[in-house]
Amino acid sequence: MHGTLGELKAMLDGLIELYGDDTRIDFVHPVSFRSKPRTRIAWVTGYKVGAGSGRPYVRIELDHPRGDLVTEQEIAEEKSNG
């Protein structure tokens, strides 16, 4: 289960249970600053879902917005149609 959505969900569910629904989760990623490795906090700005070699994948994007923004209403409509 290493690297799967199930593993990530279990981790996040555990953090929510331990610290509460209002807890903020930040993702930290490395950046180069004058050739010195640093880290910084990044927001999840989107994700992509696909199937490579017949296996589904999700790629989470940090500080990298693309495409159109989706409203809560559009999400609800998609769920009710699906």
Protein backbone atom coordinates (compact mmCIF):
# COMPACT_ATOMS: atom_id res chain seq x y z
CA MET A 1 0.00 0.00 0.00
CA HIS A 2 3.06 2.27 -0.06
CA GLY A 3 2.37 5.44 -2.03
CA THR A 4 -1.35 4.82 -2.53
CA LEU A 5 -4.34 7.07 -1.95
CA GLY A 6 -5.50 4.66 0.74
CA GLU A 7 -2.29 5.25 2.66
CA LEU A 8 -2.59 9.04 2.34
CA LYS A 9 -6.26 8.94 3.35
CA ALA A 10 -5.49 6.81 6.42
CA MET A 11 -2.77 9.26 7.46
CA LEU A 12 -4.99 12.31 7.00
CA ASP A 13 -7.96 10.62 8.72
CA GLY A 14 -5.69 9.86 11.68
CA LEU A 15 -4.51 13.48 11.89
CA ILE A 16 -8.09 14.75 11.74
CA GLU A 17 -9.14 12.34 14.47
CA LEU A 18 -6.18 13.31 16.64
CA TYR A 19 -6.17 17.10 16.17
CA GLY A 20 -9.68 17.97 14.93
CA ASP A 21 -11.40 19.09 11.74
CA ASP A 22 -10.03 22.64 11.89
CA THR A 23 -6.39 21.56 11.75
CA ARG A 24 -4.53 22.92 8.74
CA ILE A 25 -2.22 20.60 6.83
CA ASP A 26 0.58 22.18 4.81
CA PHE A 27 2.77 20.44 2.28
CA VAL A 28 6.45 21.35 2.33
CA HIS A 29 8.62 20.95 -0.73
CA PRO A 30 12.25 21.70 -1.54
CA VAL A 31 13.22 24.80 -3.48
CA SER A 32 16.59 26.06 -4.62
CA PHE A 33 17.61 29.41 -3.20
CA ARG A 34 20.95 30.63 -4.52
CA SER A 35 22.02 27.02 -4.99
CA LYS A 36 21.30 26.20 -1.35
CA PRO A 37 18.60 23.63 -0.61
CA ARG A 38 15.70 25.08 1.36
CA THR A 39 12.15 24.06 2.09
CA ARG A 40 8.97 26.06 2.01
CA ILE A 41 5.31 25.55 2.75
CA ALA A 42 3.15 25.12 -0.33
CA TRP A 43 -0.59 25.04 -0.88
CA VAL A 44 -2.25 22.22 -2.74
CA THR A 45 -3.51 24.06 -5.81
CA GLY A 46 -4.80 21.16 -7.83
CA TYR A 47 -4.49 17.57 -8.79
CA LYS A 48 -4.61 15.42 -11.88
CA VAL A 49 -6.05 11.94 -12.17
CA GLY A 50 -5.12 9.53 -14.91
CA ALA A 51 -4.24 5.98 -15.79
CA GLY A 52 -0.70 5.09 -16.77
CA SER A 53 0.09 1.55 -17.88
CA GLY A 54 -3.43 0.54 -16.87
CA ARG A 55 -2.94 1.75 -13.30
CA PRO A 56 -4.71 4.83 -11.90
CA TYR A 57 -2.67 7.66 -10.44
CA VAL A 58 -3.20 11.02 -8.76
CA ARG A 59 -0.62 13.81 -8.97
CA ILE A 60 -1.02 16.52 -6.36
CA GLU A 61 0.13 19.95 -7.48
CA LEU A 62 1.69 22.38 -5.01
CA ASP A 63 1.56 26.12 -5.78
CA HIS A 64 0.91 25.34 -9.42
CA PRO A 65 -2.59 26.45 -10.47
CA ARG A 66 -3.77 25.57 -13.96
CA GLY A 67 -7.05 25.55 -15.77
CA ASP A 68 -10.41 26.79 -14.60
CA LEU A 69 -11.52 26.99 -11.01
CA VAL A 70 -14.33 24.62 -10.07
CA THR A 71 -17.11 25.84 -7.79
CA GLU A 72 -18.69 23.88 -4.95
CA GLN A 73 -21.95 23.87 -6.94
CA GLU A 74 -20.25 22.28 -9.96
CA ILE A 75 -18.77 19.59 -7.71
CA ALA A 76 -22.20 18.87 -6.17
CA GLU A 77 -23.81 18.68 -9.63
CA GLU A 78 -21.13 16.28 -10.87
CA LYS A 79 -21.62 14.04 -7.83
CA SER A 80 -25.40 13.95 -8.31
CA ASN A 81 -25.02 13.11 -12.02
CA GLY A 82 -22.38 10.41 -11.44
